[in-house]
Amino acid sequence: MNASVAIQTLPETANDEELIRIVDEVIDYIKSTGLNYYVGPFETAIEGDYDELMDIVKECQHIAVRAGAPSVAAYIKVSYKPEGDVLTIEKKVTKHHQ
């Protein structure tokens, strides 16, 4: 696993309920990829191959628009190590959730 990303998808919506519904659709898509992920209150972290993760980040925006958002913004963090492994979600957060 040479990369991890954290993505915060921010669809334009009329109210909080609509925002949550659209973000939930994006998270459902992330779950469907089969990659390791961690949902936090502000962003979702995903681990995998760099190119695959970049495709997922792109698709998250399309999903939000197809779900009804007229526009979407996203904050994305990327950790990439082409010749090795990046720190895993487990190593970063498990000790804090025991």
PDB file of N, CA and C in Angstrom:
ATOM      1  N   MET A   1       0.858  -1.171   0.000  1.00  0.00           N
ATOM      2  CA  MET A   1       0.000   0.000   0.000  1.00  0.00           C
ATOM      3  C   MET A   1       0.901   1.231   0.000  1.00  0.00           C
ATOM      4  N   ASN A   2       0.920   1.909  -1.145  1.00  0.00           N
ATOM      5  CA  ASN A   2       1.845   3.021  -1.280  1.00  0.00           C
ATOM      6  C   ASN A   2       1.217   4.391  -1.096  1.00  0.00           C
ATOM      7  N   ALA A   3      -0.076   4.435  -0.730  1.00  0.00           N
ATOM      8  CA  ALA A   3      -0.720   5.741  -0.573  1.00  0.00           C
ATOM      9  C   ALA A   3      -1.909   5.664   0.372  1.00  0.00           C
ATOM     10  N   SER A   4      -2.204   6.817   0.925  1.00  0.00           N
ATOM     11  CA  SER A   4      -3.456   6.980   1.664  1.00  0.00           C
ATOM     12  C   SER A   4      -3.965   8.382   1.364  1.00  0.00           C
ATOM     13  N   VAL A   5      -5.269   8.507   1.373  1.00  0.00           N
ATOM     14  CA  VAL A   5      -5.888   9.813   1.171  1.00  0.00           C
ATOM     15  C   VAL A   5      -6.921  10.040   2.264  1.00  0.00           C
ATOM     16  N   ALA A   6      -7.136  11.297   2.545  1.00  0.00           N
ATOM     17  CA  ALA A   6      -8.246  11.702   3.388  1.00  0.00           C
ATOM     18  C   ALA A   6      -9.076  12.649   2.547  1.00  0.00           C
ATOM     19  N   ILE A   7     -10.365  12.396   2.458  1.00  0.00           N
ATOM     20  CA  ILE A   7     -11.234  13.229   1.631  1.00  0.00           C
ATOM     21  C   ILE A   7     -12.408  13.731   2.450  1.00  0.00           C
ATOM     22  N   GLN A   8     -12.638  15.022   2.334  1.00  0.00           N
ATOM     23  CA  GLN A   8     -13.821  15.648   2.912  1.00  0.00           C
ATOM     24  C   GLN A   8     -14.626  16.184   1.737  1.00  0.00           C
ATOM     25  N   THR A   9     -15.785  15.613   1.514  1.00  0.00           N
ATOM     26  CA  THR A   9     -16.662  16.024   0.428  1.00  0.00           C
ATOM     27  C   THR A   9     -17.695  17.003   0.975  1.00  0.00           C
ATOM     28  N   LEU A  10     -17.810  18.157   0.320  1.00  0.00           N
ATOM     29  CA  LEU A  10     -18.711  19.211   0.788  1.00  0.00           C
ATOM     30  C   LEU A  10     -19.681  19.596  -0.317  1.00  0.00           C
ATOM     31  N   PRO A  11     -20.794  18.860  -0.436  1.00  0.00           N
ATOM     32  CA  PRO A  11     -21.772  19.191  -1.473  1.00  0.00           C
ATOM     33  C   PRO A  11     -22.554  20.445  -1.092  1.00  0.00           C
ATOM     34  N   GLU A  12     -22.901  21.214  -2.096  1.00  0.00           N
ATOM     35  CA  GLU A  12     -23.791  22.360  -1.878  1.00  0.00           C
ATOM     36  C   GLU A  12     -25.197  21.804  -1.670  1.00  0.00           C
ATOM     37  N   THR A  13     -25.816  22.156  -0.544  1.00  0.00           N
ATOM     38  CA  THR A  13     -27.155  21.655  -0.245  1.00  0.00           C
ATOM     39  C   THR A  13     -27.990  22.739   0.427  1.00  0.00           C
ATOM     40  N   ALA A  14     -29.294  22.514   0.451  1.00  0.00           N
ATOM     41  CA  ALA A  14     -30.215  23.460   1.078  1.00  0.00           C
ATOM     42  C   ALA A  14     -30.279  23.298   2.591  1.00  0.00           C
ATOM     43  N   ASN A  15     -29.924  22.108   3.100  1.00  0.00           N
ATOM     44  CA  ASN A  15     -30.034  21.876   4.544  1.00  0.00           C
ATOM     45  C   ASN A  15     -29.111  20.737   4.976  1.00  0.00           C
ATOM     46  N   ASP A  16     -28.990  20.581   6.271  1.00  0.00           N
ATOM     47  CA  ASP A  16     -28.086  19.565   6.822  1.00  0.00           C
ATOM     48  C   ASP A  16     -28.517  18.146   6.478  1.00  0.00           C
ATOM     49  N   GLU A  17     -29.807  17.893   6.445  1.00  0.00           N
ATOM     50  CA  GLU A  17     -30.286  16.550   6.144  1.00  0.00           C
ATOM     51  C   GLU A  17     -29.874  16.134   4.732  1.00  0.00           C
ATOM     52  N   GLU A  18     -29.963  17.062   3.798  1.00  0.00           N
ATOM     53  CA  GLU A  18     -29.567  16.777   2.423  1.00  0.00           C
ATOM     54  C   GLU A  18     -28.054  16.577   2.341  1.00  0.00           C
ATOM     55  N   LEU A  19     -27.307  17.371   3.059  1.00  0.00           N
ATOM     56  CA  LEU A  19     -25.858  17.226   3.097  1.00  0.00           C
ATOM     57  C   LEU A  19     -25.469  15.842   3.594  1.00  0.00           C
ATOM     58  N   ILE A  20     -26.071  15.416   4.698  1.00  0.00           N
ATOM     59  CA  ILE A  20     -25.772  14.098   5.268  1.00  0.00           C
ATOM     60  C   ILE A  20     -26.154  12.988   4.292  1.00  0.00           C
ATOM     61  N   ARG A  21     -27.297  13.117   3.630  1.00  0.00           N
ATOM     62  CA  ARG A  21     -27.734  12.093   2.677  1.00  0.00           C
ATOM     63  C   ARG A  21     -26.721  11.938   1.548  1.00  0.00           C
ATOM     64  N   ILE A  22     -26.252  13.044   1.012  1.00  0.00           N
ATOM     65  CA  ILE A  22     -25.312  12.990  -0.107  1.00  0.00           C
ATOM     66  C   ILE A  22     -23.953  12.460   0.347  1.00  0.00           C
ATOM     67  N   VAL A  23     -23.479  12.944   1.489  1.00  0.00           N
ATOM     68  CA  VAL A  23     -22.198  12.451   2.004  1.00  0.00           C
ATOM     69  C   VAL A  23     -22.287  10.953   2.294  1.00  0.00           C
ATOM     70  N   ASP A  24     -23.421  10.504   2.805  1.00  0.00           N
ATOM     71  CA  ASP A  24     -23.608   9.063   3.039  1.00  0.00           C
ATOM     72  C   ASP A  24     -23.504   8.266   1.743  1.00  0.00           C
ATOM     73  N   GLU A  25     -23.996   8.811   0.641  1.00  0.00           N
ATOM     74  CA  GLU A  25     -23.869   8.122  -0.645  1.00  0.00           C
ATOM     75  C   GLU A  25     -22.403   8.015  -1.065  1.00  0.00           C
ATOM     76  N   VAL A  26     -21.651   9.084  -0.820  1.00  0.00           N
ATOM     77  CA  VAL A  26     -20.220   9.059  -1.128  1.00  0.00           C
ATOM     78  C   VAL A  26     -19.519   8.008  -0.270  1.00  0.00           C
ATOM     79  N   ILE A  27     -19.840   7.965   1.021  1.00  0.00           N
ATOM     80  CA  ILE A  27     -19.224   6.982   1.915  1.00  0.00           C
ATOM     81  C   ILE A  27     -19.614   5.567   1.503  1.00  0.00           C
ATOM     82  N   ASP A  28     -20.864   5.357   1.094  1.00  0.00           N
ATOM     83  CA  ASP A  28     -21.281   4.036   0.608  1.00  0.00           C
ATOM     84  C   ASP A  28     -20.430   3.606  -0.587  1.00  0.00           C
ATOM     85  N   TYR A  29     -20.136   4.552  -1.465  1.00  0.00           N
ATOM     86  CA  TYR A  29     -19.267   4.236  -2.603  1.00  0.00           C
ATOM     87  C   TYR A  29     -17.874   3.834  -2.120  1.00  0.00           C
ATOM     88  N   ILE A  30     -17.320   4.599  -1.195  1.00  0.00           N
ATOM     89  CA  ILE A  30     -15.989   4.278  -0.668  1.00  0.00           C
ATOM     90  C   ILE A  30     -15.995   2.878  -0.060  1.00  0.00           C
ATOM     91  N   LYS A  31     -17.033   2.557   0.698  1.00  0.00           N
ATOM     92  CA  LYS A  31     -17.155   1.210   1.276  1.00  0.00           C
ATOM     93  C   LYS A  31     -17.153   0.151   0.178  1.00  0.00           C
ATOM     94  N   SER A  32     -17.826   0.425  -0.921  1.00  0.00           N
ATOM     95  CA  SER A  32     -17.974  -0.558  -1.998  1.00  0.00           C
ATOM     96  C   SER A  32     -16.668  -0.855  -2.723  1.00  0.00           C
ATOM     97  N   THR A  33     -15.660  -0.032  -2.542  1.00  0.00           N
ATOM     98  CA  THR A  33     -14.387  -0.253  -3.238  1.00  0.00           C
ATOM     99  C   THR A  33     -13.622  -1.443  -2.673  1.00  0.00           C
ATOM    100  N   GLY A  34     -13.941  -1.849  -1.443  1.00  0.00           N
ATOM    101  CA  GLY A  34     -13.238  -2.947  -0.811  1.00  0.00           C
ATOM    102  C   GLY A  34     -11.912  -2.557  -0.175  1.00  0.00           C
ATOM    103  N   LEU A  35     -11.548  -1.287  -0.268  1.00  0.00           N
ATOM    104  CA  LEU A  35     -10.305  -0.830   0.343  1.00  0.00           C
ATOM    105  C   LEU A  35     -10.507  -0.561   1.828  1.00  0.00           C
ATOM    106  N   ASN A  36      -9.416  -0.528   2.561  1.00  0.00           N
ATOM    107  CA  ASN A  36      -9.482  -0.189   3.973  1.00  0.00           C
ATOM    108  C   ASN A  36      -9.773   1.306   4.104  1.00  0.00           C
ATOM    109  N   TYR A  37     -10.733   1.658   4.958  1.00  0.00           N
ATOM    110  CA  TYR A  37     -11.113   3.060   5.125  1.00  0.00           C
ATOM    111  C   TYR A  37     -11.491   3.308   6.580  1.00  0.00           C
ATOM    112  N   TYR A  38     -11.518   4.581   6.945  1.00  0.00           N
ATOM    113  CA  TYR A  38     -11.909   4.993   8.295  1.00  0.00           C
ATOM    114  C   TYR A  38     -12.726   6.267   8.168  1.00  0.00           C
ATOM    115  N   VAL A  39     -13.972   6.236   8.633  1.00  0.00           N
ATOM    116  CA  VAL A  39     -14.847   7.403   8.580  1.00  0.00           C
ATOM    117  C   VAL A  39     -14.695   8.184   9.872  1.00  0.00           C
ATOM    118  N   GLY A  40     -14.316   9.433   9.745  1.00  0.00           N
ATOM    119  CA  GLY A  40     -14.235  10.340  10.874  1.00  0.00           C
ATOM    120  C   GLY A  40     -15.326  11.399  10.757  1.00  0.00           C
ATOM    121  N   PRO A  41     -15.429  12.282  11.739  1.00  0.00           N
ATOM    122  CA  PRO A  41     -16.500  13.281  11.711  1.00  0.00           C
ATOM    123  C   PRO A  41     -16.337  14.336  10.621  1.00  0.00           C
ATOM    124  N   PHE A  42     -15.117  14.529  10.113  1.00  0.00           N
ATOM    125  CA  PHE A  42     -14.888  15.556   9.098  1.00  0.00           C
ATOM    126  C   PHE A  42     -14.379  15.021   7.771  1.00  0.00           C
ATOM    127  N   GLU A  43     -13.812  13.823   7.773  1.00  0.00           N
ATOM    128  CA  GLU A  43     -13.232  13.278   6.556  1.00  0.00           C
ATOM    129  C   GLU A  43     -13.171  11.758   6.650  1.00  0.00           C
ATOM    130  N   THR A  44     -12.962  11.151   5.496  1.00  0.00           N
ATOM    131  CA  THR A  44     -12.796   9.707   5.427  1.00  0.00           C
ATOM    132  C   THR A  44     -11.407   9.414   4.880  1.00  0.00           C
ATOM    133  N   ALA A  45     -10.670   8.555   5.578  1.00  0.00           N
ATOM    134  CA  ALA A  45      -9.342   8.133   5.128  1.00  0.00           C
ATOM    135  C   ALA A  45      -9.469   6.803   4.398  1.00  0.00           C
ATOM    136  N   ILE A  46      -8.695   6.647   3.328  1.00  0.00           N
ATOM    137  CA  ILE A  46      -8.719   5.435   2.518  1.00  0.00           C
ATOM    138  C   ILE A  46      -7.273   5.056   2.206  1.00  0.00           C
ATOM    139  N   GLU A  47      -6.990   3.748   2.215  1.00  0.00           N
ATOM    140  CA  GLU A  47      -5.643   3.263   1.920  1.00  0.00           C
ATOM    141  C   GLU A  47      -5.653   2.408   0.663  1.00  0.00           C
ATOM    142  N   GLY A  48      -4.569   2.504  -0.124  1.00  0.00           N
ATOM    143  CA  GLY A  48      -4.474   1.660  -1.295  1.00  0.00           C
ATOM    144  C   GLY A  48      -3.393   2.108  -2.248  1.00  0.00           C
ATOM    145  N   ASP A  49      -3.553   1.740  -3.501  1.00  0.00           N
ATOM    146  CA  ASP A  49      -2.648   2.136  -4.569  1.00  0.00           C
ATOM    147  C   ASP A  49      -2.949   3.578  -4.981  1.00  0.00           C
ATOM    148  N   TYR A  50      -1.912   4.358  -5.184  1.00  0.00           N
ATOM    149  CA  TYR A  50      -2.070   5.783  -5.498  1.00  0.00           C
ATOM    150  C   TYR A  50      -3.036   6.039  -6.658  1.00  0.00           C
ATOM    151  N   ASP A  51      -2.826   5.375  -7.775  1.00  0.00           N
ATOM    152  CA  ASP A  51      -3.670   5.630  -8.945  1.00  0.00           C
ATOM    153  C   ASP A  51      -5.124   5.261  -8.679  1.00  0.00           C
ATOM    154  N   GLU A  52      -5.335   4.143  -8.007  1.00  0.00           N
ATOM    155  CA  GLU A  52      -6.705   3.744  -7.673  1.00  0.00           C
ATOM    156  C   GLU A  52      -7.356   4.772  -6.747  1.00  0.00           C
ATOM    157  N   LEU A  53      -6.599   5.274  -5.778  1.00  0.00           N
ATOM    158  CA  LEU A  53      -7.157   6.271  -4.859  1.00  0.00           C
ATOM    159  C   LEU A  53      -7.509   7.566  -5.585  1.00  0.00           C
ATOM    160  N   MET A  54      -6.695   7.972  -6.546  1.00  0.00           N
ATOM    161  CA  MET A  54      -7.001   9.195  -7.291  1.00  0.00           C
ATOM    162  C   MET A  54      -8.289   9.023  -8.106  1.00  0.00           C
ATOM    163  N   ASP A  55      -8.500   7.823  -8.648  1.00  0.00           N
ATOM    164  CA  ASP A  55      -9.756   7.549  -9.359  1.00  0.00           C
ATOM    165  C   ASP A  55     -10.943   7.610  -8.395  1.00  0.00           C
ATOM    166  N   ILE A  56     -10.771   7.096  -7.188  1.00  0.00           N
ATOM    167  CA  ILE A  56     -11.838   7.116  -6.185  1.00  0.00           C
ATOM    168  C   ILE A  56     -12.163   8.549  -5.786  1.00  0.00           C
ATOM    169  N   VAL A  57     -11.139   9.357  -5.569  1.00  0.00           N
ATOM    170  CA  VAL A  57     -11.351  10.769  -5.215  1.00  0.00           C
ATOM    171  C   VAL A  57     -12.164  11.461  -6.304  1.00  0.00           C
ATOM    172  N   LYS A  58     -11.824  11.212  -7.542  1.00  0.00           N
ATOM    173  CA  LYS A  58     -12.560  11.801  -8.673  1.00  0.00           C
ATOM    174  C   LYS A  58     -14.016  11.343  -8.675  1.00  0.00           C
ATOM    175  N   GLU A  59     -14.229  10.049  -8.486  1.00  0.00           N
ATOM    176  CA  GLU A  59     -15.588   9.497  -8.523  1.00  0.00           C
ATOM    177  C   GLU A  59     -16.437  10.030  -7.370  1.00  0.00           C
ATOM    178  N   CYS A  60     -15.842  10.314  -6.238  1.00  0.00           N
ATOM    179  CA  CYS A  60     -16.602  10.862  -5.106  1.00  0.00           C
ATOM    180  C   CYS A  60     -17.301  12.165  -5.484  1.00  0.00           C
ATOM    181  N   GLN A  61     -16.627  12.990  -6.285  1.00  0.00           N
ATOM    182  CA  GLN A  61     -17.237  14.253  -6.715  1.00  0.00           C
ATOM    183  C   GLN A  61     -18.425  13.979  -7.643  1.00  0.00           C
ATOM    184  N   HIS A  62     -18.243  13.042  -8.566  1.00  0.00           N
ATOM    185  CA  HIS A  62     -19.319  12.695  -9.495  1.00  0.00           C
ATOM    186  C   HIS A  62     -20.529  12.133  -8.745  1.00  0.00           C
ATOM    187  N   ILE A  63     -20.290  11.322  -7.741  1.00  0.00           N
ATOM    188  CA  ILE A  63     -21.387  10.730  -6.967  1.00  0.00           C
ATOM    189  C   ILE A  63     -22.183  11.815  -6.271  1.00  0.00           C
ATOM    190  N   ALA A  64     -21.511  12.780  -5.676  1.00  0.00           N
ATOM    191  CA  ALA A  64     -22.214  13.867  -4.989  1.00  0.00           C
ATOM    192  C   ALA A  64     -23.100  14.649  -5.956  1.00  0.00           C
ATOM    193  N   VAL A  65     -22.605  14.909  -7.152  1.00  0.00           N
ATOM    194  CA  VAL A  65     -23.403  15.633  -8.148  1.00  0.00           C
ATOM    195  C   VAL A  65     -24.577  14.777  -8.613  1.00  0.00           C
ATOM    196  N   ARG A  66     -24.337  13.492  -8.892  1.00  0.00           N
ATOM    197  CA  ARG A  66     -25.439  12.614  -9.305  1.00  0.00           C
ATOM    198  C   ARG A  66     -26.480  12.467  -8.207  1.00  0.00           C
ATOM    199  N   ALA A  67     -26.069  12.625  -6.950  1.00  0.00           N
ATOM    200  CA  ALA A  67     -27.003  12.518  -5.823  1.00  0.00           C
ATOM    201  C   ALA A  67     -27.820  13.790  -5.631  1.00  0.00           C
ATOM    202  N   GLY A  68     -27.527  14.820  -6.412  1.00  0.00           N
ATOM    203  CA  GLY A  68     -28.360  16.019  -6.359  1.00  0.00           C
ATOM    204  C   GLY A  68     -27.663  17.308  -6.003  1.00  0.00           C
ATOM    205  N   ALA A  69     -26.400  17.269  -5.698  1.00  0.00           N
ATOM    206  CA  ALA A  69     -25.686  18.508  -5.370  1.00  0.00           C
ATOM    207  C   ALA A  69     -25.394  19.280  -6.659  1.00  0.00           C
ATOM    208  N   PRO A  70     -25.763  20.563  -6.712  1.00  0.00           N
ATOM    209  CA  PRO A  70     -25.462  21.341  -7.916  1.00  0.00           C
ATOM    210  C   PRO A  70     -23.965  21.621  -8.062  1.00  0.00           C
ATOM    211  N   SER A  71     -23.253  21.569  -6.934  1.00  0.00           N
ATOM    212  CA  SER A  71     -21.795  21.713  -6.959  1.00  0.00           C
ATOM    213  C   SER A  71     -21.224  21.025  -5.731  1.00  0.00           C
ATOM    214  N   VAL A  72     -19.930  20.769  -5.777  1.00  0.00           N
ATOM    215  CA  VAL A  72     -19.282  20.085  -4.660  1.00  0.00           C
ATOM    216  C   VAL A  72     -17.853  20.602  -4.526  1.00  0.00           C
ATOM    217  N   ALA A  73     -17.446  20.805  -3.294  1.00  0.00           N
ATOM    218  CA  ALA A  73     -16.058  21.132  -2.992  1.00  0.00           C
ATOM    219  C   ALA A  73     -15.480  19.946  -2.223  1.00  0.00           C
ATOM    220  N   ALA A  74     -14.164  19.822  -2.246  1.00  0.00           N
ATOM    221  CA  ALA A  74     -13.528  18.734  -1.510  1.00  0.00           C
ATOM    222  C   ALA A  74     -12.178  19.195  -0.993  1.00  0.00           C
ATOM    223  N   TYR A  75     -11.873  18.738   0.197  1.00  0.00           N
ATOM    224  CA  TYR A  75     -10.541  18.901   0.756  1.00  0.00           C
ATOM    225  C   TYR A  75      -9.904  17.524   0.745  1.00  0.00           C
ATOM    226  N   ILE A  76      -8.710  17.445   0.181  1.00  0.00           N
ATOM    227  CA  ILE A  76      -8.068  16.150   0.007  1.00  0.00           C
ATOM    228  C   ILE A  76      -6.632  16.220   0.519  1.00  0.00           C
ATOM    229  N   LYS A  77      -6.283  15.237   1.326  1.00  0.00           N
ATOM    230  CA  LYS A  77      -4.901  15.081   1.791  1.00  0.00           C
ATOM    231  C   LYS A  77      -4.372  13.784   1.200  1.00  0.00           C
ATOM    232  N   VAL A  78      -3.113  13.796   0.780  1.00  0.00           N
ATOM    233  CA  VAL A  78      -2.522  12.624   0.154  1.00  0.00           C
ATOM    234  C   VAL A  78      -1.165  12.332   0.786  1.00  0.00           C
ATOM    235  N   SER A  79      -0.977  11.073   1.129  1.00  0.00           N
ATOM    236  CA  SER A  79       0.334  10.584   1.540  1.00  0.00           C
ATOM    237  C   SER A  79       0.732   9.527   0.517  1.00  0.00           C
ATOM    238  N   TYR A  80       1.868   9.714  -0.117  1.00  0.00           N
ATOM    239  CA  TYR A  80       2.288   8.834  -1.212  1.00  0.00           C
ATOM    240  C   TYR A  80       3.757   8.481  -1.038  1.00  0.00           C
ATOM    241  N   LYS A  81       4.051   7.212  -1.120  1.00  0.00           N
ATOM    242  CA  LYS A  81       5.420   6.718  -1.008  1.00  0.00           C
ATOM    243  C   LYS A  81       5.625   5.690  -2.118  1.00  0.00           C
ATOM    244  N   PRO A  82       6.085   6.131  -3.290  1.00  0.00           N
ATOM    245  CA  PRO A  82       6.150   5.238  -4.440  1.00  0.00           C
ATOM    246  C   PRO A  82       7.014   3.998  -4.236  1.00  0.00           C
ATOM    247  N   GLU A  83       8.010   4.071  -3.388  1.00  0.00           N
ATOM    248  CA  GLU A  83       8.922   2.945  -3.197  1.00  0.00           C
ATOM    249  C   GLU A  83       8.771   2.307  -1.819  1.00  0.00           C
ATOM    250  N   GLY A  84       7.559   2.273  -1.302  1.00  0.00           N
ATOM    251  CA  GLY A  84       7.373   1.659   0.005  1.00  0.00           C
ATOM    252  C   GLY A  84       5.955   1.809   0.490  1.00  0.00           C
ATOM    253  N   ASP A  85       5.777   1.557   1.768  1.00  0.00           N
ATOM    254  CA  ASP A  85       4.450   1.625   2.373  1.00  0.00           C
ATOM    255  C   ASP A  85       4.297   2.892   3.216  1.00  0.00           C
ATOM    256  N   VAL A  86       3.113   3.474   3.170  1.00  0.00           N
ATOM    257  CA  VAL A  86       2.803   4.607   4.038  1.00  0.00           C
ATOM    258  C   VAL A  86       2.298   4.068   5.380  1.00  0.00           C
ATOM    259  N   LEU A  87       2.279   4.910   6.385  1.00  0.00           N
ATOM    260  CA  LEU A  87       1.715   4.510   7.674  1.00  0.00           C
ATOM    261  C   LEU A  87       0.250   4.148   7.492  1.00  0.00           C
ATOM    262  N   THR A  88      -0.182   3.074   8.140  1.00  0.00           N
ATOM    263  CA  THR A  88      -1.554   2.616   7.995  1.00  0.00           C
ATOM    264  C   THR A  88      -2.496   3.358   8.943  1.00  0.00           C
ATOM    265  N   ILE A  89      -3.768   3.295   8.628  1.00  0.00           N
ATOM    266  CA  ILE A  89      -4.792   3.844   9.514  1.00  0.00           C
ATOM    267  C   ILE A  89      -4.689   3.174  10.869  1.00  0.00           C
ATOM    268  N   GLU A  90      -4.505   1.856  10.844  1.00  0.00           N
ATOM    269  CA  GLU A  90      -4.427   1.102  12.097  1.00  0.00           C
ATOM    270  C   GLU A  90      -3.299   1.622  12.984  1.00  0.00           C
ATOM    271  N   LYS A  91      -2.134   1.821  12.415  1.00  0.00           N
ATOM    272  CA  LYS A  91      -0.999   2.309  13.200  1.00  0.00           C
ATOM    273  C   LYS A  91      -1.233   3.722  13.727  1.00  0.00           C
ATOM    274  N   LYS A  92      -1.994   4.510  12.978  1.00  0.00           N
ATOM    275  CA  LYS A  92      -2.219   5.908  13.375  1.00  0.00           C
ATOM    276  C   LYS A  92      -3.273   6.064  14.450  1.00  0.00           C
ATOM    277  N   VAL A  93      -4.354   5.265  14.405  1.00  0.00           N
ATOM    278  CA  VAL A  93      -5.494   5.591  15.280  1.00  0.00           C
ATOM    279  C   VAL A  93      -5.960   4.485  16.224  1.00  0.00           C
ATOM    280  N   THR A  94      -5.595   3.228  15.988  1.00  0.00           N
ATOM    281  CA  THR A  94      -6.133   2.132  16.804  1.00  0.00           C
ATOM    282  C   THR A  94      -5.883   2.354  18.281  1.00  0.00           C
ATOM    283  N   LYS A  95      -4.719   2.788  18.648  1.00  0.00           N
ATOM    284  CA  LYS A  95      -4.377   2.981  20.062  1.00  0.00           C
ATOM    285  C   LYS A  95      -5.291   3.994  20.748  1.00  0.00           C
ATOM    286  N   HIS A  96      -5.923   4.846  19.974  1.00  0.00           N
ATOM    287  CA  HIS A  96      -6.809   5.868  20.535  1.00  0.00           C
ATOM    288  C   HIS A  96      -8.260   5.395  20.685  1.00  0.00           C
ATOM    289  N   HIS A  97      -8.568   4.206  20.193  1.00  0.00           N
ATOM    290  CA  HIS A  97      -9.930   3.695  20.192  1.00  0.00           C
ATOM    291  C   HIS A  97     -10.065   2.394  20.955  1.00  0.00           C
ATOM    292  N   GLN A  98      -9.252   2.197  21.977  1.00  0.00           N
ATOM    293  CA  GLN A  98      -9.320   0.965  22.758  1.00  0.00           C
ATOM    294  C   GLN A  98     -10.133   1.166  24.010  1.00  0.00           C
TER     295      GLN A  98
END
